[in-house]
N, C-alpha and C. Protein backbone atom coordinates (compact mmCIF):
# COMPACT_ATOMS: atom_id res chain seq x y z
N MET A 1 0.84 -1.18 0.00
CA MET A 1 0.00 0.00 0.00
C MET A 1 0.89 1.25 0.00
N GLU A 2 0.37 2.26 -0.63
CA GLU A 2 1.07 3.54 -0.76
C GLU A 2 0.34 4.59 0.08
N THR A 3 1.03 5.69 0.40
CA THR A 3 0.39 6.78 1.12
C THR A 3 0.62 8.10 0.40
N THR A 4 -0.28 9.02 0.66
CA THR A 4 -0.14 10.39 0.20
C THR A 4 -0.65 11.28 1.33
N THR A 5 -0.19 12.50 1.37
CA THR A 5 -0.64 13.44 2.39
C THR A 5 -1.25 14.65 1.72
N ILE A 6 -2.45 15.01 2.17
CA ILE A 6 -3.14 16.18 1.65
C ILE A 6 -3.44 17.12 2.80
N SER A 7 -3.61 18.40 2.51
CA SER A 7 -3.96 19.39 3.53
C SER A 7 -5.40 19.80 3.35
N ARG A 8 -6.10 19.91 4.46
CA ARG A 8 -7.49 20.34 4.46
C ARG A 8 -7.72 21.19 5.71
N LEU A 9 -8.87 21.83 5.77
CA LEU A 9 -9.25 22.54 6.99
C LEU A 9 -9.36 21.52 8.12
N ALA A 10 -8.83 21.85 9.28
CA ALA A 10 -8.85 20.91 10.40
C ALA A 10 -10.26 20.50 10.77
N LYS A 11 -11.21 21.42 10.69
CA LYS A 11 -12.58 21.08 11.08
C LYS A 11 -13.24 20.11 10.09
N GLU A 12 -12.66 19.93 8.91
CA GLU A 12 -13.19 19.01 7.91
C GLU A 12 -12.42 17.69 7.85
N ALA A 13 -11.39 17.56 8.67
CA ALA A 13 -10.55 16.35 8.63
C ALA A 13 -11.31 15.15 9.19
N PRO A 14 -11.28 14.03 8.49
CA PRO A 14 -11.94 12.82 8.98
C PRO A 14 -11.09 12.16 10.06
N PRO A 15 -11.68 11.27 10.84
CA PRO A 15 -10.90 10.56 11.86
C PRO A 15 -10.04 9.46 11.24
N PRO A 16 -8.98 9.05 11.93
CA PRO A 16 -8.19 7.91 11.46
C PRO A 16 -9.08 6.68 11.26
N GLU A 17 -8.73 5.88 10.28
CA GLU A 17 -9.42 4.65 9.88
C GLU A 17 -10.66 4.90 9.03
N ALA A 18 -11.02 6.16 8.80
CA ALA A 18 -12.18 6.47 7.96
C ALA A 18 -11.83 6.28 6.49
N CYS A 19 -12.79 5.83 5.71
CA CYS A 19 -12.65 5.82 4.26
C CYS A 19 -12.83 7.26 3.81
N TYR A 20 -11.93 7.74 2.95
CA TYR A 20 -11.96 9.16 2.59
C TYR A 20 -11.71 9.33 1.10
N GLY A 21 -12.59 10.06 0.47
CA GLY A 21 -12.44 10.39 -0.94
C GLY A 21 -11.97 11.82 -1.09
N PHE A 22 -11.15 12.07 -2.08
CA PHE A 22 -10.64 13.41 -2.33
C PHE A 22 -10.40 13.58 -3.82
N ALA A 23 -10.27 14.82 -4.23
CA ALA A 23 -10.07 15.12 -5.65
C ALA A 23 -8.72 15.78 -5.87
N VAL A 24 -8.14 15.48 -7.01
CA VAL A 24 -6.96 16.17 -7.52
C VAL A 24 -7.35 16.60 -8.92
N GLY A 25 -7.59 17.90 -9.07
CA GLY A 25 -8.12 18.38 -10.34
C GLY A 25 -9.50 17.81 -10.56
N ASP A 26 -9.71 17.20 -11.72
CA ASP A 26 -11.01 16.61 -12.05
C ASP A 26 -11.12 15.13 -11.66
N GLU A 27 -10.04 14.57 -11.15
CA GLU A 27 -10.02 13.15 -10.80
C GLU A 27 -10.35 12.95 -9.32
N HIS A 28 -11.04 11.85 -9.02
CA HIS A 28 -11.40 11.52 -7.64
C HIS A 28 -10.71 10.23 -7.22
N PHE A 29 -10.27 10.21 -5.96
CA PHE A 29 -9.53 9.09 -5.42
C PHE A 29 -10.09 8.72 -4.06
N VAL A 30 -9.76 7.53 -3.61
CA VAL A 30 -10.26 7.08 -2.31
C VAL A 30 -9.17 6.29 -1.59
N GLY A 31 -9.18 6.40 -0.27
CA GLY A 31 -8.22 5.67 0.55
C GLY A 31 -8.71 5.63 1.99
N VAL A 32 -7.85 5.16 2.87
CA VAL A 32 -8.15 5.07 4.29
C VAL A 32 -7.25 6.03 5.05
N VAL A 33 -7.84 6.83 5.92
CA VAL A 33 -7.08 7.81 6.70
C VAL A 33 -6.22 7.06 7.72
N ARG A 34 -4.93 7.34 7.70
CA ARG A 34 -4.00 6.71 8.64
C ARG A 34 -3.53 7.67 9.73
N ASP A 35 -3.51 8.98 9.42
CA ASP A 35 -3.03 9.95 10.41
C ASP A 35 -3.59 11.33 10.08
N VAL A 36 -3.88 12.11 11.10
CA VAL A 36 -4.30 13.49 10.95
C VAL A 36 -3.44 14.32 11.90
N VAL A 37 -2.70 15.29 11.33
CA VAL A 37 -1.79 16.11 12.11
C VAL A 37 -2.17 17.58 11.95
N PRO A 38 -2.52 18.26 13.04
CA PRO A 38 -2.82 19.68 12.94
C PRO A 38 -1.60 20.46 12.45
N VAL A 39 -1.86 21.46 11.59
CA VAL A 39 -0.81 22.32 11.07
C VAL A 39 -1.33 23.75 11.22
N GLY A 40 -0.76 24.48 12.13
CA GLY A 40 -1.26 25.82 12.38
C GLY A 40 -2.60 25.77 13.08
N GLU A 41 -3.31 26.88 13.01
CA GLU A 41 -4.58 26.98 13.73
C GLU A 41 -5.77 26.39 12.99
N THR A 42 -5.72 26.37 11.66
CA THR A 42 -6.91 25.97 10.91
C THR A 42 -6.71 24.78 9.97
N GLN A 43 -5.48 24.36 9.73
CA GLN A 43 -5.21 23.31 8.75
C GLN A 43 -4.82 22.00 9.42
N ALA A 44 -4.95 20.91 8.66
CA ALA A 44 -4.49 19.60 9.10
C ALA A 44 -3.91 18.88 7.90
N ASP A 45 -2.84 18.13 8.12
CA ASP A 45 -2.29 17.23 7.11
C ASP A 45 -2.89 15.86 7.34
N ILE A 46 -3.47 15.30 6.30
CA ILE A 46 -4.15 14.01 6.39
C ILE A 46 -3.35 12.99 5.57
N THR A 47 -2.85 11.96 6.22
CA THR A 47 -2.14 10.90 5.52
C THR A 47 -3.15 9.81 5.16
N ILE A 48 -3.19 9.50 3.87
CA ILE A 48 -4.16 8.55 3.34
C ILE A 48 -3.43 7.37 2.71
N GLU A 49 -3.82 6.17 3.11
CA GLU A 49 -3.27 4.95 2.52
C GLU A 49 -4.20 4.52 1.39
N MET A 50 -3.60 4.18 0.26
CA MET A 50 -4.38 3.77 -0.90
C MET A 50 -3.68 2.62 -1.61
N THR A 51 -4.44 1.93 -2.44
CA THR A 51 -3.84 0.83 -3.19
C THR A 51 -2.75 1.38 -4.12
N THR A 52 -1.85 0.51 -4.51
CA THR A 52 -0.78 0.92 -5.42
C THR A 52 -1.36 1.43 -6.73
N SER A 53 -2.37 0.76 -7.25
CA SER A 53 -2.95 1.20 -8.53
C SER A 53 -3.64 2.56 -8.39
N GLU A 54 -4.32 2.79 -7.28
CA GLU A 54 -4.97 4.09 -7.06
C GLU A 54 -3.91 5.19 -6.92
N HIS A 55 -2.83 4.89 -6.22
CA HIS A 55 -1.74 5.85 -6.05
C HIS A 55 -1.09 6.18 -7.39
N GLN A 56 -0.84 5.18 -8.21
CA GLN A 56 -0.25 5.41 -9.53
C GLN A 56 -1.18 6.24 -10.41
N ARG A 57 -2.48 5.97 -10.32
CA ARG A 57 -3.45 6.74 -11.08
C ARG A 57 -3.44 8.20 -10.63
N MET A 58 -3.31 8.44 -9.32
CA MET A 58 -3.24 9.80 -8.78
C MET A 58 -1.99 10.52 -9.30
N LEU A 59 -0.86 9.84 -9.25
CA LEU A 59 0.39 10.45 -9.72
C LEU A 59 0.31 10.77 -11.20
N ALA A 60 -0.28 9.87 -11.97
CA ALA A 60 -0.41 10.11 -13.42
C ALA A 60 -1.31 11.30 -13.70
N SER A 61 -2.37 11.47 -12.93
CA SER A 61 -3.28 12.59 -13.15
C SER A 61 -2.62 13.91 -12.78
N ALA A 62 -1.73 13.89 -11.79
CA ALA A 62 -1.04 15.11 -11.37
C ALA A 62 -0.01 15.55 -12.41
N ASN A 63 0.47 14.62 -13.22
CA ASN A 63 1.49 14.93 -14.22
C ASN A 63 0.91 15.32 -15.57
N ARG A 64 -0.40 15.42 -15.67
CA ARG A 64 -1.03 15.79 -16.95
C ARG A 64 -1.03 17.28 -17.12
């Protein structure tokens, strides 16, 4: 399994172990939340574990 970290508003961050969908551009991805770390007063970094194929698809969409 692969991981990626995204930033969101802390009040919108899901709890660890939650299934979480997110978008990168027009593409949508899904994974399981492994960690949520507050960053500053309003932001949180969310580490999401996803399948290797989903991770590769995300990386390919970011390079378009």
